[in-house]
Amino acid sequence: MSAKCESCHGQFGTLKRSSKSILCSTRLFKFFWLLKNEGLRSATSTFQLRAKRFLAARGMSHSHPERCKQLHEEVLGLRPGEWVRVKPEEEILATLDHCYQNKGLAWMPIMSQYSGKKLKVYKRVDKIVLESTGEIRKLKNTVLLEGGICDGIYGCDRSCFHFWREIWLERVENTN
């Protein structure tokens, strides 16, 4: 079984680990949509990440195998109302496996816009319901951040929260 590496937490595809990755005819449309609306850099970085995930899911990746052995886990015990800063993208990438995931939760390229920003914890995420199956999944060390939502990059109007592992965050004092 290979992990399906979706680019939207709202679909919970990265948390299922039971679906096979399929070639989607909308991928080309999404690339051109990104190219038009976000620019060449965003479109190519998203394309590169998808290609790496595609190869990694088939066992052909030449990524860093040592990352798989040392998946980091950091427990901050964050609570609603606390302030955090999103770590720099380089530090976050060091916590990811060959499929750009931390314990099954994907880091999406769109989340890099929050690197270095200070945000407030909205709530902890301990359980989710997979919409496709109705299955309940438990999550550890994961939070939602106020303002940390998907901007509907592929035309989706759901405005889903991004899921954030605590290892990707650092606690800061509220100095407003």
N, C-alpha and C. Protein backbone atom coordinates (compact mmCIF):
# COMPACT_ATOMS: atom_id res chain seq x y z
N MET A 1 0.84 -1.19 0.00
CA MET A 1 0.00 0.00 0.00
C MET A 1 0.87 1.24 0.00
N SER A 2 0.53 2.18 -0.82
CA SER A 2 1.28 3.42 -0.85
C SER A 2 0.41 4.54 -0.31
N ALA A 3 1.06 5.54 0.28
CA ALA A 3 0.32 6.67 0.84
C ALA A 3 -0.04 7.63 -0.27
N LYS A 4 -1.27 8.10 -0.25
CA LYS A 4 -1.70 9.10 -1.21
C LYS A 4 -1.36 10.46 -0.62
N CYS A 5 -0.63 11.24 -1.34
CA CYS A 5 -0.16 12.53 -0.84
C CYS A 5 -1.00 13.65 -1.43
N GLU A 6 -2.08 13.98 -0.80
CA GLU A 6 -2.95 15.05 -1.27
C GLU A 6 -2.39 16.39 -0.85
N SER A 7 -2.89 17.44 -1.42
CA SER A 7 -2.40 18.76 -1.09
C SER A 7 -3.42 19.54 -0.26
N CYS A 8 -4.47 18.91 0.20
CA CYS A 8 -5.49 19.61 0.96
C CYS A 8 -5.83 18.82 2.20
N HIS A 9 -5.65 19.42 3.38
CA HIS A 9 -6.00 18.73 4.61
C HIS A 9 -7.49 18.47 4.69
N GLY A 10 -8.29 19.29 4.01
CA GLY A 10 -9.74 19.11 4.04
C GLY A 10 -10.18 17.78 3.49
N GLN A 11 -9.36 17.19 2.62
CA GLN A 11 -9.71 15.88 2.07
C GLN A 11 -9.20 14.75 2.95
N PHE A 12 -8.32 15.06 3.89
CA PHE A 12 -7.74 14.08 4.82
C PHE A 12 -7.09 12.91 4.10
N GLY A 13 -6.71 13.10 2.85
CA GLY A 13 -6.09 12.03 2.09
C GLY A 13 -4.76 11.60 2.66
N THR A 14 -4.02 12.55 3.25
CA THR A 14 -2.71 12.22 3.78
C THR A 14 -2.83 11.43 5.07
N LEU A 15 -3.97 11.44 5.70
CA LEU A 15 -4.12 10.73 6.96
C LEU A 15 -4.68 9.33 6.77
N LYS A 16 -5.14 9.01 5.58
CA LYS A 16 -5.77 7.71 5.35
C LYS A 16 -4.74 6.59 5.19
N ARG A 17 -3.72 6.83 4.40
CA ARG A 17 -2.67 5.85 4.14
C ARG A 17 -3.20 4.54 3.58
N SER A 18 -4.38 4.54 3.02
CA SER A 18 -4.91 3.30 2.47
C SER A 18 -5.35 3.44 1.02
N SER A 19 -5.28 4.64 0.50
CA SER A 19 -5.69 4.87 -0.87
C SER A 19 -4.48 4.88 -1.78
N LYS A 20 -4.65 4.35 -2.96
CA LYS A 20 -3.58 4.41 -3.95
C LYS A 20 -3.62 5.75 -4.64
N SER A 21 -2.44 6.26 -4.96
CA SER A 21 -2.35 7.52 -5.68
C SER A 21 -2.79 7.29 -7.12
N ILE A 22 -3.66 8.18 -7.60
CA ILE A 22 -4.13 8.05 -8.97
C ILE A 22 -3.71 9.27 -9.77
N LEU A 23 -3.57 9.10 -11.04
CA LEU A 23 -3.24 10.21 -11.91
C LEU A 23 -4.53 10.99 -12.16
N CYS A 24 -4.53 12.24 -11.81
CA CYS A 24 -5.73 13.06 -11.88
C CYS A 24 -5.66 14.00 -13.08
N SER A 25 -6.70 14.02 -13.89
CA SER A 25 -6.70 14.87 -15.07
C SER A 25 -6.74 16.35 -14.73
N THR A 26 -7.07 16.68 -13.49
CA THR A 26 -7.13 18.09 -13.11
C THR A 26 -5.77 18.64 -12.70
N ARG A 27 -4.76 17.78 -12.59
CA ARG A 27 -3.43 18.25 -12.18
C ARG A 27 -2.89 19.32 -13.13
N LEU A 28 -3.04 19.12 -14.42
CA LEU A 28 -2.55 20.08 -15.39
C LEU A 28 -3.32 21.40 -15.26
N PHE A 29 -4.65 21.29 -15.05
CA PHE A 29 -5.46 22.49 -14.84
C PHE A 29 -4.97 23.25 -13.61
N LYS A 30 -4.69 22.51 -12.52
CA LYS A 30 -4.24 23.16 -11.29
C LYS A 30 -2.90 23.85 -11.50
N PHE A 31 -2.01 23.23 -12.28
CA PHE A 31 -0.71 23.84 -12.56
C PHE A 31 -0.89 25.17 -13.29
N PHE A 32 -1.72 25.17 -14.32
CA PHE A 32 -1.93 26.41 -15.08
C PHE A 32 -2.69 27.45 -14.26
N TRP A 33 -3.57 26.99 -13.38
CA TRP A 33 -4.28 27.93 -12.51
C TRP A 33 -3.27 28.60 -11.58
N LEU A 34 -2.36 27.80 -11.00
CA LEU A 34 -1.32 28.35 -10.14
C LEU A 34 -0.42 29.30 -10.92
N LEU A 35 -0.05 28.90 -12.11
CA LEU A 35 0.82 29.72 -12.94
C LEU A 35 0.19 31.08 -13.20
N LYS A 36 -1.09 31.09 -13.51
CA LYS A 36 -1.79 32.34 -13.80
C LYS A 36 -1.98 33.20 -12.55
N ASN A 37 -2.38 32.58 -11.44
CA ASN A 37 -2.76 33.34 -10.26
C ASN A 37 -1.65 33.54 -9.24
N GLU A 38 -0.70 32.62 -9.17
CA GLU A 38 0.34 32.71 -8.15
C GLU A 38 1.73 32.95 -8.72
N GLY A 39 1.91 32.70 -10.00
CA GLY A 39 3.21 32.93 -10.62
C GLY A 39 3.98 31.64 -10.87
N LEU A 40 5.05 31.80 -11.64
CA LEU A 40 5.86 30.66 -12.05
C LEU A 40 6.52 29.97 -10.87
N ARG A 41 7.02 30.72 -9.90
CA ARG A 41 7.72 30.13 -8.75
C ARG A 41 6.82 29.21 -7.95
N SER A 42 5.63 29.68 -7.63
CA SER A 42 4.68 28.88 -6.87
C SER A 42 4.25 27.64 -7.65
N ALA A 43 3.99 27.81 -8.93
CA ALA A 43 3.55 26.69 -9.75
C ALA A 43 4.63 25.62 -9.87
N THR A 44 5.87 26.04 -10.08
CA THR A 44 6.94 25.05 -10.23
C THR A 44 7.28 24.39 -8.91
N SER A 45 7.24 25.13 -7.79
CA SER A 45 7.54 24.50 -6.50
C SER A 45 6.46 23.48 -6.14
N THR A 46 5.21 23.79 -6.44
CA THR A 46 4.14 22.83 -6.19
C THR A 46 4.29 21.61 -7.09
N PHE A 47 4.64 21.83 -8.35
CA PHE A 47 4.86 20.72 -9.27
C PHE A 47 6.00 19.83 -8.80
N GLN A 48 7.10 20.44 -8.36
CA GLN A 48 8.25 19.67 -7.87
C GLN A 48 7.88 18.84 -6.65
N LEU A 49 7.14 19.45 -5.72
CA LEU A 49 6.74 18.71 -4.52
C LEU A 49 5.84 17.54 -4.87
N ARG A 50 4.90 17.75 -5.78
CA ARG A 50 4.01 16.66 -6.20
C ARG A 50 4.80 15.54 -6.88
N ALA A 51 5.80 15.91 -7.69
CA ALA A 51 6.62 14.90 -8.36
C ALA A 51 7.41 14.09 -7.34
N LYS A 52 7.97 14.77 -6.32
CA LYS A 52 8.70 14.05 -5.27
C LYS A 52 7.79 13.10 -4.51
N ARG A 53 6.58 13.57 -4.20
CA ARG A 53 5.63 12.72 -3.48
C ARG A 53 5.20 11.53 -4.34
N PHE A 54 5.01 11.77 -5.63
CA PHE A 54 4.62 10.71 -6.54
C PHE A 54 5.71 9.63 -6.58
N LEU A 55 6.97 10.04 -6.72
CA LEU A 55 8.07 9.09 -6.76
C LEU A 55 8.27 8.40 -5.42
N ALA A 56 8.11 9.16 -4.32
CA ALA A 56 8.29 8.58 -3.00
C ALA A 56 7.23 7.52 -2.71
N ALA A 57 6.02 7.75 -3.18
CA ALA A 57 4.94 6.79 -2.95
C ALA A 57 5.19 5.49 -3.69
N ARG A 58 6.01 5.53 -4.69
CA ARG A 58 6.32 4.33 -5.47
C ARG A 58 7.69 3.75 -5.13
N GLY A 59 8.32 4.27 -4.09
CA GLY A 59 9.59 3.73 -3.64
C GLY A 59 10.77 4.07 -4.52
N MET A 60 10.64 5.09 -5.37
CA MET A 60 11.71 5.45 -6.28
C MET A 60 12.39 6.75 -5.89
N SER A 61 12.08 7.25 -4.74
CA SER A 61 12.63 8.54 -4.35
C SER A 61 14.09 8.42 -3.92
N HIS A 62 14.85 9.44 -4.24
CA HIS A 62 16.23 9.51 -3.79
C HIS A 62 16.32 10.53 -2.66
N SER A 63 15.28 10.62 -1.85
CA SER A 63 15.28 11.59 -0.76
C SER A 63 16.10 11.04 0.41
N HIS A 64 16.05 11.72 1.50
CA HIS A 64 16.88 11.39 2.65
C HIS A 64 16.28 10.26 3.48
N PRO A 65 16.80 9.03 3.38
CA PRO A 65 16.22 7.92 4.13
C PRO A 65 16.41 8.06 5.63
N GLU A 66 17.42 8.83 6.06
CA GLU A 66 17.61 8.98 7.50
C GLU A 66 16.48 9.75 8.15
N ARG A 67 15.77 10.56 7.37
CA ARG A 67 14.63 11.30 7.93
C ARG A 67 13.54 10.35 8.40
N CYS A 68 13.34 9.25 7.68
CA CYS A 68 12.30 8.30 8.05
C CYS A 68 12.59 7.68 9.41
N LYS A 69 13.86 7.48 9.72
CA LYS A 69 14.24 6.82 10.97
C LYS A 69 14.12 7.76 12.15
N GLN A 70 14.30 9.06 11.92
CA GLN A 70 14.28 9.99 13.02
C GLN A 70 13.15 10.99 12.88
N LEU A 71 11.93 10.50 12.77
CA LEU A 71 10.80 11.42 12.73
C LEU A 71 10.69 12.06 14.11
N HIS A 72 10.89 13.34 14.13
CA HIS A 72 10.92 14.06 15.39
C HIS A 72 9.52 14.22 15.95
N GLU A 73 9.45 14.30 17.25
CA GLU A 73 8.18 14.59 17.89
C GLU A 73 8.46 15.57 19.03
N GLU A 74 7.75 16.65 19.03
CA GLU A 74 7.92 17.65 20.07
C GLU A 74 6.55 17.93 20.66
N VAL A 75 6.47 17.86 21.96
CA VAL A 75 5.20 18.08 22.65
C VAL A 75 5.29 19.40 23.40
N LEU A 76 4.50 20.37 22.94
CA LEU A 76 4.45 21.67 23.61
C LEU A 76 3.25 21.77 24.53
N GLY A 77 2.25 20.92 24.32
CA GLY A 77 1.03 20.99 25.13
C GLY A 77 0.30 22.31 24.96
N LEU A 78 0.22 22.79 23.73
CA LEU A 78 -0.40 24.08 23.46
C LEU A 78 -1.88 24.07 23.79
N ARG A 79 -2.37 25.20 24.28
CA ARG A 79 -3.77 25.37 24.63
C ARG A 79 -4.35 26.55 23.87
N PRO A 80 -5.67 26.57 23.66
CA PRO A 80 -6.30 27.70 22.98
C PRO A 80 -5.95 29.03 23.65
N GLY A 81 -5.66 30.02 22.81
CA GLY A 81 -5.32 31.35 23.31
C GLY A 81 -3.83 31.61 23.42
N GLU A 82 -3.01 30.56 23.41
CA GLU A 82 -1.56 30.75 23.48
C GLU A 82 -1.04 31.24 22.13
N TRP A 83 0.07 31.97 22.18
CA TRP A 83 0.69 32.50 20.96
C TRP A 83 1.87 31.62 20.57
N VAL A 84 2.00 31.41 19.27
CA VAL A 84 3.10 30.61 18.73
C VAL A 84 3.68 31.31 17.50
N ARG A 85 4.90 30.94 17.18
CA ARG A 85 5.52 31.40 15.94
C ARG A 85 5.79 30.16 15.10
N VAL A 86 5.44 30.23 13.84
CA VAL A 86 5.71 29.12 12.92
C VAL A 86 7.21 29.14 12.63
N LYS A 87 7.86 27.99 12.79
CA LYS A 87 9.30 27.89 12.58
C LYS A 87 9.64 28.14 11.11
N PRO A 88 10.90 28.47 10.83
CA PRO A 88 11.31 28.64 9.43
C PRO A 88 11.12 27.33 8.65
N GLU A 89 10.84 27.46 7.37
CA GLU A 89 10.53 26.30 6.54
C GLU A 89 11.65 25.26 6.55
N GLU A 90 12.91 25.70 6.63
CA GLU A 90 14.03 24.76 6.64
C GLU A 90 13.96 23.84 7.86
N GLU A 91 13.61 24.40 9.03
CA GLU A 91 13.49 23.59 10.24
C GLU A 91 12.32 22.62 10.13
N ILE A 92 11.24 23.07 9.53
CA ILE A 92 10.06 22.21 9.37
C ILE A 92 10.37 21.07 8.43
N LEU A 93 11.04 21.36 7.32
CA LEU A 93 11.37 20.32 6.34
C LEU A 93 12.25 19.24 6.96
N ALA A 94 13.05 19.59 7.95
CA ALA A 94 13.90 18.61 8.62
C ALA A 94 13.10 17.60 9.44
N THR A 95 11.83 17.92 9.73
CA THR A 95 10.99 17.01 10.52
C THR A 95 10.14 16.10 9.65
N LEU A 96 10.27 16.22 8.34
CA LEU A 96 9.39 15.49 7.42
C LEU A 96 10.06 14.26 6.84
N ASP A 97 9.25 13.28 6.46
CA ASP A 97 9.77 12.08 5.84
C ASP A 97 9.91 12.28 4.34
N HIS A 98 10.15 11.21 3.60
CA HIS A 98 10.38 11.30 2.16
C HIS A 98 9.15 11.75 1.38
N CYS A 99 7.99 11.73 2.00
CA CYS A 99 6.76 12.16 1.33
C CYS A 99 6.29 13.52 1.87
N TYR A 100 7.21 14.24 2.52
CA TYR A 100 6.93 15.55 3.09
C TYR A 100 5.78 15.49 4.10
N GLN A 101 5.84 14.48 4.97
CA GLN A 101 4.84 14.30 6.02
C GLN A 101 5.53 14.11 7.36
N ASN A 102 4.84 14.49 8.42
CA ASN A 102 5.28 14.20 9.77
C ASN A 102 4.23 13.30 10.39
N LYS A 103 4.58 12.04 10.55
CA LYS A 103 3.68 11.03 11.11
C LYS A 103 2.33 11.02 10.39
N GLY A 104 2.35 11.10 9.06
CA GLY A 104 1.15 11.02 8.24
C GLY A 104 0.47 12.33 7.94
N LEU A 105 0.91 13.42 8.59
CA LEU A 105 0.31 14.73 8.34
C LEU A 105 1.22 15.51 7.40
N ALA A 106 0.67 15.91 6.26
CA ALA A 106 1.47 16.56 5.22
C ALA A 106 1.76 18.02 5.53
N TRP A 107 2.97 18.41 5.16
CA TRP A 107 3.32 19.83 5.11
C TRP A 107 3.05 20.26 3.68
N MET A 108 2.18 21.25 3.50
CA MET A 108 1.80 21.69 2.17
C MET A 108 2.56 22.97 1.82
N PRO A 109 2.95 23.11 0.55
CA PRO A 109 3.71 24.30 0.15
C PRO A 109 3.01 25.61 0.51
N ILE A 110 1.70 25.62 0.46
CA ILE A 110 0.95 26.84 0.76
C ILE A 110 1.13 27.27 2.22
N MET A 111 1.51 26.34 3.10
CA MET A 111 1.69 26.65 4.51
C MET A 111 2.97 27.45 4.76
N SER A 112 3.88 27.46 3.80
CA SER A 112 5.15 28.17 3.99
C SER A 112 4.95 29.68 4.11
N GLN A 113 3.81 30.19 3.66
CA GLN A 113 3.55 31.63 3.78
C GLN A 113 3.44 32.06 5.24
N TYR A 114 3.24 31.12 6.16
CA TYR A 114 3.12 31.43 7.58
C TYR A 114 4.45 31.34 8.32
N SER A 115 5.51 30.89 7.65
CA SER A 115 6.82 30.75 8.31
C SER A 115 7.26 32.07 8.92
N GLY A 116 7.63 32.00 10.19
CA GLY A 116 8.09 33.19 10.91
C GLY A 116 6.98 34.05 11.47
N LYS A 117 5.73 33.75 11.14
CA LYS A 117 4.62 34.57 11.61
C LYS A 117 4.14 34.12 12.99
N LYS A 118 3.62 35.08 13.73
CA LYS A 118 3.10 34.83 15.07
C LYS A 118 1.58 34.69 14.97
N LEU A 119 1.05 33.57 15.45
CA LEU A 119 -0.39 33.30 15.39
C LEU A 119 -0.87 32.76 16.74
N LYS A 120 -2.17 32.88 16.95
CA LYS A 120 -2.77 32.40 18.18
C LYS A 120 -3.36 31.01 17.95
N VAL A 121 -3.20 30.14 18.95
CA VAL A 121 -3.77 28.80 18.87
C VAL A 121 -5.29 28.92 19.00
N TYR A 122 -6.00 28.39 18.02
CA TYR A 122 -7.46 28.40 18.05
C TYR A 122 -7.97 27.23 18.89
N LYS A 123 -7.48 26.02 18.59
CA LYS A 123 -7.87 24.85 19.40
C LYS A 123 -6.95 23.68 19.09
N ARG A 124 -6.96 22.72 19.98
CA ARG A 124 -6.24 21.47 19.77
C ARG A 124 -7.09 20.55 18.91
N VAL A 125 -6.43 19.67 18.17
CA VAL A 125 -7.14 18.68 17.37
C VAL A 125 -6.73 17.31 17.90
N ASP A 126 -7.68 16.63 18.52
CA ASP A 126 -7.42 15.31 19.07
C ASP A 126 -8.08 14.22 18.24
N LYS A 127 -9.21 14.56 17.61
CA LYS A 127 -9.94 13.61 16.77
C LYS A 127 -10.48 14.32 15.55
N ILE A 128 -10.54 13.59 14.44
CA ILE A 128 -11.17 14.09 13.23
C ILE A 128 -12.05 12.98 12.67
N VAL A 129 -12.98 13.35 11.83
CA VAL A 129 -13.82 12.39 11.13
C VAL A 129 -13.47 12.49 9.65
N LEU A 130 -13.07 11.37 9.06
CA LEU A 130 -12.80 11.35 7.63
C LEU A 130 -14.12 11.42 6.90
N GLU A 131 -14.30 12.46 6.12
CA GLU A 131 -15.58 12.66 5.44
C GLU A 131 -15.88 11.54 4.45
N SER A 132 -14.85 10.99 3.85
CA SER A 132 -15.06 9.97 2.83
C SER A 132 -15.59 8.65 3.39
N THR A 133 -15.18 8.32 4.63
CA THR A 133 -15.56 7.02 5.20
C THR A 133 -16.35 7.13 6.49
N GLY A 134 -16.31 8.28 7.13
CA GLY A 134 -16.95 8.43 8.43
C GLY A 134 -16.09 7.91 9.57
N GLU A 135 -14.90 7.44 9.26
CA GLU A 135 -13.98 6.88 10.25
C GLU A 135 -13.43 7.99 11.15
N ILE A 136 -13.30 7.68 12.43
CA ILE A 136 -12.73 8.63 13.38
C ILE A 136 -11.25 8.34 13.52
N ARG A 137 -10.42 9.38 13.39
CA ARG A 137 -8.97 9.25 13.54
C ARG A 137 -8.52 10.09 14.71
N LYS A 138 -7.56 9.59 15.47
CA LYS A 138 -6.97 10.33 16.57
C LYS A 138 -5.68 10.98 16.10
N LEU A 139 -5.46 12.20 16.53
CA LEU A 139 -4.25 12.94 16.21
C LEU A 139 -3.54 13.31 17.51
N LYS A 140 -2.23 13.39 17.44
CA LYS A 140 -1.43 13.80 18.59
C LYS A 140 -0.66 15.06 18.24
N ASN A 141 -0.51 15.93 19.23
CA ASN A 141 0.33 17.12 19.11
C ASN A 141 0.01 17.94 17.87
N THR A 142 -1.27 18.18 17.65
CA THR A 142 -1.74 18.92 16.48
C THR A 142 -2.70 20.01 16.92
N VAL A 143 -2.57 21.19 16.32
CA VAL A 143 -3.43 22.33 16.66
C VAL A 143 -3.91 23.03 15.39
N LEU A 144 -4.92 23.86 15.58
CA LEU A 144 -5.40 24.78 14.55
C LEU A 144 -4.99 26.18 14.99
N LEU A 145 -4.60 27.02 14.05
CA LEU A 145 -4.19 28.38 14.36
C LEU A 145 -5.17 29.38 13.78
N GLU A 146 -5.47 30.42 14.56
CA GLU A 146 -6.35 31.48 14.07
C GLU A 146 -5.71 32.14 12.85
N GLY A 147 -6.45 32.23 11.78
CA GLY A 147 -5.94 32.84 10.55
C GLY A 147 -5.14 31.88 9.69
N GLY A 148 -4.86 30.68 10.18
CA GLY A 148 -4.10 29.69 9.42
C GLY A 148 -5.04 28.81 8.61
N ILE A 149 -5.67 29.40 7.61
CA ILE A 149 -6.64 28.64 6.82
C ILE A 149 -6.22 28.59 5.36
N CYS A 150 -6.75 27.60 4.67
CA CYS A 150 -6.49 27.44 3.24
C CYS A 150 -7.20 28.57 2.49
N ASP A 151 -6.50 29.13 1.53
CA ASP A 151 -7.09 30.25 0.79
C ASP A 151 -7.83 29.82 -0.46
N GLY A 152 -8.12 28.52 -0.57
CA GLY A 152 -8.87 28.04 -1.72
C GLY A 152 -8.07 28.06 -2.99
N ILE A 153 -6.82 27.66 -2.90
CA ILE A 153 -5.89 27.76 -4.01
C ILE A 153 -6.36 27.06 -5.27
N TYR A 154 -7.14 25.99 -5.15
CA TYR A 154 -7.60 25.26 -6.33
C TYR A 154 -9.07 25.50 -6.60
N GLY A 155 -9.60 26.61 -6.11
CA GLY A 155 -10.98 26.93 -6.38
C GLY A 155 -11.96 26.41 -5.35
N CYS A 156 -11.46 25.79 -4.29
CA CYS A 156 -12.32 25.28 -3.23
C CYS A 156 -12.70 26.45 -2.31
N ASP A 157 -13.96 26.54 -1.95
CA ASP A 157 -14.42 27.64 -1.10
C ASP A 157 -14.64 27.22 0.35
N ARG A 158 -14.05 26.11 0.76
CA ARG A 158 -14.31 25.60 2.11
C ARG A 158 -13.59 26.36 3.21
N SER A 159 -12.46 26.97 2.92
CA SER A 159 -11.65 27.69 3.91
C SER A 159 -11.32 26.80 5.10
N CYS A 160 -10.76 25.65 4.82
CA CYS A 160 -10.39 24.69 5.87
C CYS A 160 -9.17 25.20 6.64
N PHE A 161 -9.13 24.87 7.92
CA PHE A 161 -7.95 25.16 8.72
C PHE A 161 -6.82 24.23 8.29
N HIS A 162 -5.59 24.73 8.34
CA HIS A 162 -4.42 23.87 8.17
C HIS A 162 -4.18 23.19 9.52
N PHE A 163 -3.78 21.94 9.48
CA PHE A 163 -3.38 21.23 10.69
C PHE A 163 -1.91 21.50 10.93
N TRP A 164 -1.55 21.86 12.17
CA TRP A 164 -0.17 22.19 12.51
C TRP A 164 0.34 21.25 13.59
N ARG A 165 1.44 20.55 13.31
CA ARG A 165 2.11 19.76 14.34
C ARG A 165 2.83 20.72 15.27
N GLU A 166 2.86 20.37 16.55
CA GLU A 166 3.53 21.24 17.52
C GLU A 166 5.02 21.38 17.23
N ILE A 167 5.61 20.39 16.59
CA ILE A 167 7.04 20.46 16.27
C ILE A 167 7.33 21.55 15.24
N TRP A 168 6.32 21.99 14.51
CA TRP A 168 6.49 23.05 13.52
C TRP A 168 6.34 24.43 14.12
N LEU A 169 6.04 24.49 15.43
CA LEU A 169 5.74 25.75 16.10
C LEU A 169 6.66 25.96 17.29
N GLU A 170 6.78 27.21 17.71
CA GLU A 170 7.49 27.52 18.96
C GLU A 170 6.64 28.51 19.75
N ARG A 171 6.55 28.28 21.04
CA ARG A 171 5.74 29.12 21.91
C ARG A 171 6.41 30.48 22.06
N VAL A 172 5.60 31.55 22.01
CA VAL A 172 6.12 32.90 22.23
C VAL A 172 5.18 33.61 23.20
N GLU A 173 5.71 34.66 23.81
CA GLU A 173 4.92 35.47 24.73
C GLU A 173 4.07 36.45 23.94
N ASN A 174 2.88 36.75 24.43
CA ASN A 174 2.01 37.72 23.79
C ASN A 174 2.50 39.11 24.15
N THR A 175 3.04 39.81 23.19
CA THR A 175 3.59 41.15 23.42
C THR A 175 2.82 42.21 22.65
N ASN A 176 1.51 42.03 22.51
CA ASN A 176 0.70 42.99 21.72
C ASN A 176 0.70 44.33 22.35
